[in-house]
């Protein structure tokens, strides 16, 4: 489950506690003025490592996970649009192309898709 807020962020990364120290099994809460939870994105079966908003459509969010999937979401509706498979192990990075028409993922299996 991943929370959705009303503020835009280019990417969100799990696993650090703000002091560049790794945190195992620690729930990370983000708080900032104006940050309001508006919904949840449910679909990944394991931890989400990174999320990235589309550079051309701020309602599209890509997430990658330990469950070896990359998912594309419409955050305005808290709805999963696609579940992309192709990695054999955890995916640690996802990025949109500058024109927003492609996504690139990199995983612990050594694949870049």
PDB file of N, CA and C in Angstrom:
ATOM      1  N   UNK A   1       0.843  -1.174   0.000  1.00  0.00           N
ATOM      2  CA  UNK A   1       0.000   0.000   0.000  1.00  0.00           C
ATOM      3  C   UNK A   1       0.884   1.231   0.000  1.00  0.00           C
ATOM      4  N   UNK A   2       0.555   2.160  -0.847  1.00  0.00           N
ATOM      5  CA  UNK A   2       1.335   3.383  -0.937  1.00  0.00           C
ATOM      6  C   UNK A   2       0.375   4.548  -0.858  1.00  0.00           C
ATOM      7  N   UNK A   3       0.620   5.508   0.018  1.00  0.00           N
ATOM      8  CA  UNK A   3      -0.239   6.674   0.148  1.00  0.00           C
ATOM      9  C   UNK A   3      -0.032   7.648  -0.984  1.00  0.00           C
ATOM     10  N   UNK A   4      -1.078   8.380  -1.312  1.00  0.00           N
ATOM     11  CA  UNK A   4      -1.017   9.405  -2.347  1.00  0.00           C
ATOM     12  C   UNK A   4      -1.318  10.732  -1.688  1.00  0.00           C
ATOM     13  N   UNK A   5      -0.536  11.752  -2.003  1.00  0.00           N
ATOM     14  CA  UNK A   5      -0.771  13.055  -1.407  1.00  0.00           C
ATOM     15  C   UNK A   5      -1.112  14.068  -2.480  1.00  0.00           C
ATOM     16  N   UNK A   6      -1.516  15.255  -2.026  1.00  0.00           N
ATOM     17  CA  UNK A   6      -1.895  16.287  -2.978  1.00  0.00           C
ATOM     18  C   UNK A   6      -0.715  17.153  -3.398  1.00  0.00           C
ATOM     19  N   UNK A   7       0.496  16.814  -2.997  1.00  0.00           N
ATOM     20  CA  UNK A   7       1.665  17.558  -3.438  1.00  0.00           C
ATOM     21  C   UNK A   7       2.435  16.722  -4.425  1.00  0.00           C
ATOM     22  N   UNK A   8       3.038  17.356  -5.407  1.00  0.00           N
ATOM     23  CA  UNK A   8       3.804  16.644  -6.423  1.00  0.00           C
ATOM     24  C   UNK A   8       5.232  16.427  -5.965  1.00  0.00           C
ATOM     25  N   UNK A   9       5.777  15.281  -6.312  1.00  0.00           N
ATOM     26  CA  UNK A   9       7.180  14.975  -6.062  1.00  0.00           C
ATOM     27  C   UNK A   9       7.707  14.272  -7.286  1.00  0.00           C
ATOM     28  N   UNK A  10       8.939  14.534  -7.661  1.00  0.00           N
ATOM     29  CA  UNK A  10       9.492  13.868  -8.842  1.00  0.00           C
ATOM     30  C   UNK A  10       9.764  12.411  -8.549  1.00  0.00           C
ATOM     31  N   UNK A  11      10.315  12.110  -7.371  1.00  0.00           N
ATOM     32  CA  UNK A  11      10.500  10.716  -7.005  1.00  0.00           C
ATOM     33  C   UNK A  11      10.513  10.585  -5.494  1.00  0.00           C
ATOM     34  N   UNK A  12      10.139   9.408  -5.026  1.00  0.00           N
ATOM     35  CA  UNK A  12      10.112   9.096  -3.606  1.00  0.00           C
ATOM     36  C   UNK A  12      10.916   7.835  -3.424  1.00  0.00           C
ATOM     37  N   UNK A  13      11.813   7.822  -2.446  1.00  0.00           N
ATOM     38  CA  UNK A  13      12.646   6.644  -2.248  1.00  0.00           C
ATOM     39  C   UNK A  13      12.482   6.135  -0.835  1.00  0.00           C
ATOM     40  N   UNK A  14      12.283   4.813  -0.688  1.00  0.00           N
ATOM     41  CA  UNK A  14      12.158   4.183   0.617  1.00  0.00           C
ATOM     42  C   UNK A  14      13.516   3.661   1.046  1.00  0.00           C
ATOM     43  N   UNK A  15      13.728   3.567   2.355  1.00  0.00           N
ATOM     44  CA  UNK A  15      14.932   2.903   2.837  1.00  0.00           C
ATOM     45  C   UNK A  15      15.905   3.834   3.523  1.00  0.00           C
ATOM     46  N   UNK A  16      15.618   5.115   3.567  1.00  0.00           N
ATOM     47  CA  UNK A  16      16.484   6.011   4.311  1.00  0.00           C
ATOM     48  C   UNK A  16      15.647   6.742   5.340  1.00  0.00           C
ATOM     49  N   UNK A  17      16.280   7.135   6.420  1.00  0.00           N
ATOM     50  CA  UNK A  17      15.568   7.820   7.485  1.00  0.00           C
ATOM     51  C   UNK A  17      15.861   9.309   7.524  1.00  0.00           C
ATOM     52  N   UNK A  18      16.382   9.852   6.432  1.00  0.00           N
ATOM     53  CA  UNK A  18      16.692  11.265   6.375  1.00  0.00           C
ATOM     54  C   UNK A  18      18.123  11.570   6.739  1.00  0.00           C
ATOM     55  N   UNK A  19      18.825  10.615   7.313  1.00  0.00           N
ATOM     56  CA  UNK A  19      20.223  10.803   7.697  1.00  0.00           C
ATOM     57  C   UNK A  19      21.145   9.933   6.865  1.00  0.00           C
ATOM     58  N   UNK A  20      20.678   9.486   5.703  1.00  0.00           N
ATOM     59  CA  UNK A  20      21.424   8.611   4.804  1.00  0.00           C
ATOM     60  C   UNK A  20      21.796   7.281   5.450  1.00  0.00           C
ATOM     61  N   UNK A  21      21.040   6.862   6.449  1.00  0.00           N
ATOM     62  CA  UNK A  21      21.254   5.568   7.075  1.00  0.00           C
ATOM     63  C   UNK A  21      20.147   4.637   6.621  1.00  0.00           C
ATOM     64  N   UNK A  22      20.487   3.404   6.304  1.00  0.00           N
ATOM     65  CA  UNK A  22      19.490   2.433   5.891  1.00  0.00           C
ATOM     66  C   UNK A  22      18.597   2.081   7.078  1.00  0.00           C
ATOM     67  N   UNK A  23      17.315   1.900   6.822  1.00  0.00           N
ATOM     68  CA  UNK A  23      16.388   1.516   7.878  1.00  0.00           C
ATOM     69  C   UNK A  23      15.646   0.269   7.435  1.00  0.00           C
ATOM     70  N   UNK A  24      15.772  -0.797   8.173  1.00  0.00           N
ATOM     71  CA  UNK A  24      15.127  -2.067   7.862  1.00  0.00           C
ATOM     72  C   UNK A  24      13.746  -2.119   8.492  1.00  0.00           C
ATOM     73  N   UNK A  25      12.741  -2.544   7.716  1.00  0.00           N
ATOM     74  CA  UNK A  25      11.390  -2.757   8.209  1.00  0.00           C
ATOM     75  C   UNK A  25      10.865  -1.583   9.027  1.00  0.00           C
ATOM     76  N   UNK A  26      11.244  -0.411   8.672  1.00  0.00           N
ATOM     77  CA  UNK A  26      10.791   0.777   9.374  1.00  0.00           C
ATOM     78  C   UNK A  26       9.769   1.479   8.503  1.00  0.00           C
ATOM     79  N   UNK A  27       8.622   1.793   9.082  1.00  0.00           N
ATOM     80  CA  UNK A  27       7.609   2.509   8.340  1.00  0.00           C
ATOM     81  C   UNK A  27       8.013   3.968   8.278  1.00  0.00           C
ATOM     82  N   UNK A  28       8.009   4.522   7.087  1.00  0.00           N
ATOM     83  CA  UNK A  28       8.428   5.901   6.896  1.00  0.00           C
ATOM     84  C   UNK A  28       7.202   6.765   6.722  1.00  0.00           C
ATOM     85  N   UNK A  29       7.091   7.814   7.524  1.00  0.00           N
ATOM     86  CA  UNK A  29       5.993   8.753   7.390  1.00  0.00           C
ATOM     87  C   UNK A  29       6.557  10.079   6.948  1.00  0.00           C
ATOM     88  N   UNK A  30       5.875  10.701   6.009  1.00  0.00           N
ATOM     89  CA  UNK A  30       6.302  11.994   5.499  1.00  0.00           C
ATOM     90  C   UNK A  30       5.308  13.023   5.981  1.00  0.00           C
ATOM     91  N   UNK A  31       5.815  14.114   6.519  1.00  0.00           N
ATOM     92  CA  UNK A  31       4.907  15.182   6.904  1.00  0.00           C
ATOM     93  C   UNK A  31       5.508  16.505   6.443  1.00  0.00           C
ATOM     94  N   UNK A  32       4.649  17.330   5.929  1.00  0.00           N
ATOM     95  CA  UNK A  32       5.048  18.642   5.452  1.00  0.00           C
ATOM     96  C   UNK A  32       3.810  19.516   5.438  1.00  0.00           C
ATOM     97  N   UNK A  33       3.988  20.810   5.555  1.00  0.00           N
ATOM     98  CA  UNK A  33       2.821  21.693   5.488  1.00  0.00           C
ATOM     99  C   UNK A  33       2.077  21.470   4.173  1.00  0.00           C
ATOM    100  N   UNK A  34       0.786  21.302   4.247  1.00  0.00           N
ATOM    101  CA  UNK A  34      -0.027  21.125   3.057  1.00  0.00           C
ATOM    102  C   UNK A  34      -0.115  19.701   2.551  1.00  0.00           C
ATOM    103  N   UNK A  35       0.557  18.748   3.210  1.00  0.00           N
ATOM    104  CA  UNK A  35       0.531  17.354   2.774  1.00  0.00           C
ATOM    105  C   UNK A  35      -0.717  16.686   3.342  1.00  0.00           C
ATOM    106  N   UNK A  36      -1.561  16.197   2.459  1.00  0.00           N
ATOM    107  CA  UNK A  36      -2.819  15.584   2.861  1.00  0.00           C
ATOM    108  C   UNK A  36      -2.960  14.247   2.141  1.00  0.00           C
ATOM    109  N   UNK A  37      -3.261  13.196   2.875  1.00  0.00           N
ATOM    110  CA  UNK A  37      -3.495  11.895   2.253  1.00  0.00           C
ATOM    111  C   UNK A  37      -4.861  11.928   1.587  1.00  0.00           C
ATOM    112  N   UNK A  38      -4.885  11.568   0.299  1.00  0.00           N
ATOM    113  CA  UNK A  38      -6.135  11.586  -0.444  1.00  0.00           C
ATOM    114  C   UNK A  38      -6.552  10.198  -0.917  1.00  0.00           C
ATOM    115  N   UNK A  39      -5.701   9.198  -0.718  1.00  0.00           N
ATOM    116  CA  UNK A  39      -6.041   7.849  -1.124  1.00  0.00           C
ATOM    117  C   UNK A  39      -4.863   6.917  -0.974  1.00  0.00           C
ATOM    118  N   UNK A  40      -5.076   5.648  -1.318  1.00  0.00           N
ATOM    119  CA  UNK A  40      -4.024   4.643  -1.259  1.00  0.00           C
ATOM    120  C   UNK A  40      -3.963   3.895  -2.578  1.00  0.00           C
ATOM    121  N   UNK A  41      -2.754   3.530  -2.950  1.00  0.00           N
ATOM    122  CA  UNK A  41      -2.534   2.720  -4.146  1.00  0.00           C
ATOM    123  C   UNK A  41      -2.246   1.303  -3.676  1.00  0.00           C
ATOM    124  N   UNK A  42      -3.140   0.390  -3.967  1.00  0.00           N
ATOM    125  CA  UNK A  42      -2.991  -0.996  -3.516  1.00  0.00           C
ATOM    126  C   UNK A  42      -2.727  -1.890  -4.708  1.00  0.00           C
ATOM    127  N   UNK A  43      -1.671  -2.715  -4.611  1.00  0.00           N
ATOM    128  CA  UNK A  43      -1.385  -3.629  -5.699  1.00  0.00           C
ATOM    129  C   UNK A  43      -0.077  -4.373  -5.534  1.00  0.00           C
ATOM    130  N   UNK A  44       0.967  -3.693  -5.084  1.00  0.00           N
ATOM    131  CA  UNK A  44       2.258  -4.366  -4.907  1.00  0.00           C
ATOM    132  C   UNK A  44       2.161  -5.385  -3.772  1.00  0.00           C
ATOM    133  N   UNK A  45       2.864  -6.506  -3.944  1.00  0.00           N
ATOM    134  CA  UNK A  45       2.871  -7.566  -2.934  1.00  0.00           C
ATOM    135  C   UNK A  45       4.022  -7.435  -1.950  1.00  0.00           C
ATOM    136  N   UNK A  46       4.864  -6.426  -2.148  1.00  0.00           N
ATOM    137  CA  UNK A  46       6.027  -6.242  -1.290  1.00  0.00           C
ATOM    138  C   UNK A  46       6.394  -4.759  -1.270  1.00  0.00           C
ATOM    139  N   UNK A  47       7.547  -4.457  -0.682  1.00  0.00           N
ATOM    140  CA  UNK A  47       7.974  -3.062  -0.525  1.00  0.00           C
ATOM    141  C   UNK A  47       8.118  -2.344  -1.862  1.00  0.00           C
ATOM    142  N   UNK A  48       7.734  -1.072  -1.872  1.00  0.00           N
ATOM    143  CA  UNK A  48       7.941  -0.201  -3.023  1.00  0.00           C
ATOM    144  C   UNK A  48       9.244   0.546  -2.790  1.00  0.00           C
ATOM    145  N   UNK A  49      10.154   0.474  -3.777  1.00  0.00           N
ATOM    146  CA  UNK A  49      11.462   1.103  -3.627  1.00  0.00           C
ATOM    147  C   UNK A  49      11.528   2.502  -4.223  1.00  0.00           C
ATOM    148  N   UNK A  50      10.803   2.742  -5.283  1.00  0.00           N
ATOM    149  CA  UNK A  50      10.884   4.051  -5.908  1.00  0.00           C
ATOM    150  C   UNK A  50       9.582   4.352  -6.629  1.00  0.00           C
ATOM    151  N   UNK A  51       9.278   5.641  -6.739  1.00  0.00           N
ATOM    152  CA  UNK A  51       8.111   6.108  -7.475  1.00  0.00           C
ATOM    153  C   UNK A  51       8.521   7.338  -8.275  1.00  0.00           C
ATOM    154  N   UNK A  52       7.935   7.494  -9.455  1.00  0.00           N
ATOM    155  CA  UNK A  52       8.253   8.645 -10.304  1.00  0.00           C
ATOM    156  C   UNK A  52       7.003   9.117 -11.025  1.00  0.00           C
ATOM    157  N   UNK A  53       6.763  10.430 -10.987  1.00  0.00           N
ATOM    158  CA  UNK A  53       5.657  11.010 -11.724  1.00  0.00           C
ATOM    159  C   UNK A  53       6.054  11.235 -13.177  1.00  0.00           C
ATOM    160  N   UNK A  54       5.102  11.102 -14.069  1.00  0.00           N
ATOM    161  CA  UNK A  54       5.312  11.385 -15.478  1.00  0.00           C
ATOM    162  C   UNK A  54       5.648  12.861 -15.653  1.00  0.00           C
ATOM    163  N   UNK A  55       6.611  13.180 -16.528  1.00  0.00           N
ATOM    164  CA  UNK A  55       6.961  14.589 -16.748  1.00  0.00           C
ATOM    165  C   UNK A  55       5.906  15.340 -17.566  1.00  0.00           C
ATOM    166  N   UNK A  56       4.957  14.617 -18.175  1.00  0.00           N
ATOM    167  CA  UNK A  56       3.954  15.307 -18.992  1.00  0.00           C
ATOM    168  C   UNK A  56       2.532  15.181 -18.445  1.00  0.00           C
ATOM    169  N   UNK A  57       2.331  14.322 -17.467  1.00  0.00           N
ATOM    170  CA  UNK A  57       0.993  14.132 -16.898  1.00  0.00           C
ATOM    171  C   UNK A  57       1.139  13.854 -15.411  1.00  0.00           C
ATOM    172  N   UNK A  58       0.848  14.847 -14.589  1.00  0.00           N
ATOM    173  CA  UNK A  58       1.083  14.702 -13.147  1.00  0.00           C
ATOM    174  C   UNK A  58       0.079  13.794 -12.452  1.00  0.00           C
ATOM    175  N   UNK A  59      -0.822  13.160 -13.208  1.00  0.00           N
ATOM    176  CA  UNK A  59      -1.699  12.158 -12.608  1.00  0.00           C
ATOM    177  C   UNK A  59      -1.145  10.752 -12.777  1.00  0.00           C
ATOM    178  N   UNK A  60      -0.088  10.595 -13.594  1.00  0.00           N
ATOM    179  CA  UNK A  60       0.514   9.278 -13.820  1.00  0.00           C
ATOM    180  C   UNK A  60       1.734   9.081 -12.936  1.00  0.00           C
ATOM    181  N   UNK A  61       1.736   7.987 -12.193  1.00  0.00           N
ATOM    182  CA  UNK A  61       2.819   7.646 -11.284  1.00  0.00           C
ATOM    183  C   UNK A  61       3.268   6.226 -11.569  1.00  0.00           C
ATOM    184  N   UNK A  62       4.566   6.027 -11.727  1.00  0.00           N
ATOM    185  CA  UNK A  62       5.137   4.685 -11.890  1.00  0.00           C
ATOM    186  C   UNK A  62       5.794   4.290 -10.575  1.00  0.00           C
ATOM    187  N   UNK A  63       5.599   3.039 -10.158  1.00  0.00           N
ATOM    188  CA  UNK A  63       6.228   2.529  -8.945  1.00  0.00           C
ATOM    189  C   UNK A  63       6.938   1.219  -9.276  1.00  0.00           C
ATOM    190  N   UNK A  64       8.023   0.958  -8.550  1.00  0.00           N
ATOM    191  CA  UNK A  64       8.722  -0.318  -8.723  1.00  0.00           C
ATOM    192  C   UNK A  64       8.930  -0.939  -7.347  1.00  0.00           C
ATOM    193  N   UNK A  65       9.011  -2.270  -7.340  1.00  0.00           N
ATOM    194  CA  UNK A  65       8.912  -2.973  -6.075  1.00  0.00           C
ATOM    195  C   UNK A  65       9.794  -4.203  -5.986  1.00  0.00           C
ATOM    196  N   UNK A  66       9.924  -4.640  -4.758  1.00  0.00           N
ATOM    197  CA  UNK A  66      10.592  -5.902  -4.442  1.00  0.00           C
ATOM    198  C   UNK A  66       9.843  -7.087  -5.058  1.00  0.00           C
ATOM    199  N   UNK A  67       8.568  -6.909  -5.404  1.00  0.00           N
ATOM    200  CA  UNK A  67       7.787  -7.995  -5.993  1.00  0.00           C
ATOM    201  C   UNK A  67       8.070  -8.193  -7.488  1.00  0.00           C
ATOM    202  N   UNK A  68       9.103  -7.515  -8.013  1.00  0.00           N
ATOM    203  CA  UNK A  68       9.560  -7.649  -9.405  1.00  0.00           C
ATOM    204  C   UNK A  68       8.562  -7.105 -10.424  1.00  0.00           C
ATOM    205  N   UNK A  69       7.709  -6.172  -9.991  1.00  0.00           N
ATOM    206  CA  UNK A  69       6.789  -5.534 -10.921  1.00  0.00           C
ATOM    207  C   UNK A  69       6.978  -4.024 -10.904  1.00  0.00           C
ATOM    208  N   UNK A  70       6.603  -3.421 -12.018  1.00  0.00           N
ATOM    209  CA  UNK A  70       6.522  -1.967 -12.136  1.00  0.00           C
ATOM    210  C   UNK A  70       5.056  -1.689 -12.447  1.00  0.00           C
ATOM    211  N   UNK A  71       4.482  -0.766 -11.732  1.00  0.00           N
ATOM    212  CA  UNK A  71       3.061  -0.486 -11.933  1.00  0.00           C
ATOM    213  C   UNK A  71       2.870   0.978 -12.308  1.00  0.00           C
ATOM    214  N   UNK A  72       1.899   1.209 -13.190  1.00  0.00           N
ATOM    215  CA  UNK A  72       1.549   2.558 -13.602  1.00  0.00           C
ATOM    216  C   UNK A  72       0.177   2.871 -13.026  1.00  0.00           C
ATOM    217  N   UNK A  73       0.081   4.027 -12.360  1.00  0.00           N
ATOM    218  CA  UNK A  73      -1.117   4.401 -11.626  1.00  0.00           C
ATOM    219  C   UNK A  73      -1.678   5.722 -12.144  1.00  0.00           C
ATOM    220  N   UNK A  74      -2.986   5.844 -12.058  1.00  0.00           N
ATOM    221  CA  UNK A  74      -3.660   7.131 -12.205  1.00  0.00           C
ATOM    222  C   UNK A  74      -3.952   7.579 -10.779  1.00  0.00           C
ATOM    223  N   UNK A  75      -3.150   8.502 -10.262  1.00  0.00           N
ATOM    224  CA  UNK A  75      -3.294   8.896  -8.857  1.00  0.00           C
ATOM    225  C   UNK A  75      -4.544   9.737  -8.612  1.00  0.00           C
ATOM    226  N   UNK A  76      -5.105  10.327  -9.664  1.00  0.00           N
ATOM    227  CA  UNK A  76      -6.331  11.108  -9.481  1.00  0.00           C
ATOM    228  C   UNK A  76      -7.509  10.209  -9.122  1.00  0.00           C
ATOM    229  N   UNK A  77      -7.420   8.929  -9.504  1.00  0.00           N
ATOM    230  CA  UNK A  77      -8.478   7.960  -9.210  1.00  0.00           C
ATOM    231  C   UNK A  77      -8.001   6.830  -8.293  1.00  0.00           C
ATOM    232  N   UNK A  78      -6.714   6.866  -7.879  1.00  0.00           N
ATOM    233  CA  UNK A  78      -6.117   5.789  -7.075  1.00  0.00           C
ATOM    234  C   UNK A  78      -6.347   4.442  -7.762  1.00  0.00           C
ATOM    235  N   UNK A  79      -6.089   4.409  -9.070  1.00  0.00           N
ATOM    236  CA  UNK A  79      -6.370   3.227  -9.882  1.00  0.00           C
ATOM    237  C   UNK A  79      -5.107   2.766 -10.598  1.00  0.00           C
ATOM    238  N   UNK A  80      -4.856   1.457 -10.540  1.00  0.00           N
ATOM    239  CA  UNK A  80      -3.745   0.866 -11.283  1.00  0.00           C
ATOM    240  C   UNK A  80      -4.141   0.744 -12.748  1.00  0.00           C
ATOM    241  N   UNK A  81      -3.283   1.252 -13.643  1.00  0.00           N
ATOM    242  CA  UNK A  81      -3.547   1.174 -15.076  1.00  0.00           C
ATOM    243  C   UNK A  81      -2.875  -0.041 -15.707  1.00  0.00           C
ATOM    244  N   UNK A  82      -1.621  -0.298 -15.296  1.00  0.00           N
ATOM    245  CA  UNK A  82      -0.847  -1.410 -15.850  1.00  0.00           C
ATOM    246  C   UNK A  82       0.034  -2.021 -14.777  1.00  0.00           C
ATOM    247  N   UNK A  83       0.265  -3.326 -14.894  1.00  0.00           N
ATOM    248  CA  UNK A  83       1.258  -4.030 -14.087  1.00  0.00           C
ATOM    249  C   UNK A  83       2.257  -4.620 -15.070  1.00  0.00           C
ATOM    250  N   UNK A  84       3.476  -4.105 -15.059  1.00  0.00           N
ATOM    251  CA  UNK A  84       4.495  -4.505 -16.014  1.00  0.00           C
ATOM    252  C   UNK A  84       5.424  -5.535 -15.383  1.00  0.00           C
ATOM    253  N   UNK A  85       5.596  -6.659 -16.089  1.00  0.00           N
ATOM    254  CA  UNK A  85       6.451  -7.738 -15.603  1.00  0.00           C
ATOM    255  C   UNK A  85       7.551  -7.979 -16.625  1.00  0.00           C
ATOM    256  N   UNK A  86       8.680  -8.472 -16.179  1.00  0.00           N
ATOM    257  CA  UNK A  86       9.795  -8.744 -17.069  1.00  0.00           C
ATOM    258  C   UNK A  86      11.078  -8.967 -16.294  1.00  0.00           C
ATOM    259  N   UNK A  87      11.102  -8.494 -15.063  1.00  0.00           N
ATOM    260  CA  UNK A  87      12.250  -8.725 -14.184  1.00  0.00           C
ATOM    261  C   UNK A  87      12.048 -10.028 -13.425  1.00  0.00           C
ATOM    262  N   UNK A  88      13.151 -10.667 -13.066  1.00  0.00           N
ATOM    263  CA  UNK A  88      13.095 -11.908 -12.293  1.00  0.00           C
ATOM    264  C   UNK A  88      13.270 -11.672 -10.799  1.00  0.00           C
ATOM    265  N   UNK A  89      13.742 -10.484 -10.444  1.00  0.00           N
ATOM    266  CA  UNK A  89      13.982 -10.133  -9.039  1.00  0.00           C
ATOM    267  C   UNK A  89      13.508  -8.706  -8.801  1.00  0.00           C
ATOM    268  N   UNK A  90      13.775  -8.183  -7.619  1.00  0.00           N
ATOM    269  CA  UNK A  90      13.327  -6.848  -7.219  1.00  0.00           C
ATOM    270  C   UNK A  90      13.739  -5.780  -8.224  1.00  0.00           C
ATOM    271  N   UNK A  91      12.873  -4.791  -8.402  1.00  0.00           N
ATOM    272  CA  UNK A  91      13.155  -3.635  -9.240  1.00  0.00           C
ATOM    273  C   UNK A  91      13.439  -2.463  -8.303  1.00  0.00           C
ATOM    274  N   UNK A  92      14.602  -1.853  -8.465  1.00  0.00           N
ATOM    275  CA  UNK A  92      15.015  -0.789  -7.563  1.00  0.00           C
ATOM    276  C   UNK A  92      14.883   0.610  -8.139  1.00  0.00           C
ATOM    277  N   UNK A  93      14.661   0.728  -9.445  1.00  0.00           N
ATOM    278  CA  UNK A  93      14.607   2.060 -10.035  1.00  0.00           C
ATOM    279  C   UNK A  93      13.628   2.084 -11.195  1.00  0.00           C
ATOM    280  N   UNK A  94      12.908   3.193 -11.301  1.00  0.00           N
ATOM    281  CA  UNK A  94      12.016   3.440 -12.429  1.00  0.00           C
ATOM    282  C   UNK A  94      12.137   4.909 -12.802  1.00  0.00           C
ATOM    283  N   UNK A  95      12.138   5.183 -14.097  1.00  0.00           N
ATOM    284  CA  UNK A  95      12.289   6.558 -14.574  1.00  0.00           C
ATOM    285  C   UNK A  95      11.528   6.703 -15.886  1.00  0.00           C
ATOM    286  N   UNK A  96      10.851   7.838 -16.059  1.00  0.00           N
ATOM    287  CA  UNK A  96      10.208   8.166 -17.321  1.00  0.00           C
ATOM    288  C   UNK A  96      11.218   8.824 -18.248  1.00  0.00           C
ATOM    289  N   UNK A  97      11.021   8.634 -19.556  1.00  0.00           N
ATOM    290  CA  UNK A  97      11.805   9.389 -20.532  1.00  0.00           C
ATOM    291  C   UNK A  97      11.362  10.854 -20.441  1.00  0.00           C
ATOM    292  N   UNK A  98      12.210  11.790 -20.895  1.00  0.00           N
ATOM    293  CA  UNK A  98      11.856  13.212 -20.800  1.00  0.00           C
ATOM    294  C   UNK A  98      10.531  13.566 -21.477  1.00  0.00           C
ATOM    295  N   UNK A  99      10.182  12.855 -22.555  1.00  0.00           N
ATOM    296  CA  UNK A  99       8.912  13.155 -23.225  1.00  0.00           C
ATOM    297  C   UNK A  99       7.738  12.357 -22.640  1.00  0.00           C
ATOM    298  N   UNK A 100       8.000  11.529 -21.619  1.00  0.00           N
ATOM    299  CA  UNK A 100       6.954  10.798 -20.917  1.00  0.00           C
ATOM    300  C   UNK A 100       6.365   9.621 -21.667  1.00  0.00           C
ATOM    301  N   UNK A 101       6.948   9.241 -22.796  1.00  0.00           N
ATOM    302  CA  UNK A 101       6.378   8.159 -23.598  1.00  0.00           C
ATOM    303  C   UNK A 101       6.951   6.782 -23.285  1.00  0.00           C
ATOM    304  N   UNK A 102       8.045   6.735 -22.530  1.00  0.00           N
ATOM    305  CA  UNK A 102       8.678   5.456 -22.180  1.00  0.00           C
ATOM    306  C   UNK A 102       9.065   5.458 -20.703  1.00  0.00           C
ATOM    307  N   UNK A 103       9.202   4.251 -20.156  1.00  0.00           N
ATOM    308  CA  UNK A 103       9.709   4.084 -18.807  1.00  0.00           C
ATOM    309  C   UNK A 103      10.883   3.128 -18.852  1.00  0.00           C
ATOM    310  N   UNK A 104      11.828   3.334 -17.963  1.00  0.00           N
ATOM    311  CA  UNK A 104      13.009   2.490 -17.848  1.00  0.00           C
ATOM    312  C   UNK A 104      13.042   1.949 -16.431  1.00  0.00           C
ATOM    313  N   UNK A 105      13.298   0.635 -16.299  1.00  0.00           N
ATOM    314  CA  UNK A 105      13.430   0.029 -14.971  1.00  0.00           C
ATOM    315  C   UNK A 105      14.774  -0.687 -14.873  1.00  0.00           C
ATOM    316  N   UNK A 106      15.284  -0.749 -13.650  1.00  0.00           N
ATOM    317  CA  UNK A 106      16.529  -1.479 -13.378  1.00  0.00           C
ATOM    318  C   UNK A 106      16.320  -2.312 -12.126  1.00  0.00           C
ATOM    319  N   UNK A 107      16.719  -3.583 -12.203  1.00  0.00           N
ATOM    320  CA  UNK A 107      16.485  -4.485 -11.093  1.00  0.00           C
ATOM    321  C   UNK A 107      17.718  -5.207 -10.626  1.00  0.00           C
ATOM    322  N   UNK A 108      17.568  -5.938  -9.517  1.00  0.00           N
ATOM    323  CA  UNK A 108      18.676  -6.681  -8.937  1.00  0.00           C
ATOM    324  C   UNK A 108      19.033  -7.899  -9.781  1.00  0.00           C
ATOM    325  N   UNK A 109      18.219  -8.220 -10.780  1.00  0.00           N
ATOM    326  CA  UNK A 109      18.537  -9.322 -11.694  1.00  0.00           C
ATOM    327  C   UNK A 109      19.525  -8.893 -12.787  1.00  0.00           C
ATOM    328  N   UNK A 110      19.937  -7.630 -12.754  1.00  0.00           N
ATOM    329  CA  UNK A 110      20.890  -7.105 -13.737  1.00  0.00           C
ATOM    330  C   UNK A 110      20.247  -6.617 -15.015  1.00  0.00           C
ATOM    331  N   UNK A 111      18.946  -6.745 -15.114  1.00  0.00           N
ATOM    332  CA  UNK A 111      18.237  -6.306 -16.318  1.00  0.00           C
ATOM    333  C   UNK A 111      17.891  -4.815 -16.242  1.00  0.00           C
ATOM    334  N   UNK A 112      17.975  -4.168 -17.394  1.00  0.00           N
ATOM    335  CA  UNK A 112      17.450  -2.824 -17.589  1.00  0.00           C
ATOM    336  C   UNK A 112      16.410  -2.947 -18.672  1.00  0.00           C
ATOM    337  N   UNK A 113      15.175  -2.652 -18.330  1.00  0.00           N
ATOM    338  CA  UNK A 113      14.062  -2.834 -19.278  1.00  0.00           C
ATOM    339  C   UNK A 113      13.367  -1.498 -19.493  1.00  0.00           C
TER     340      UNK A 113
END
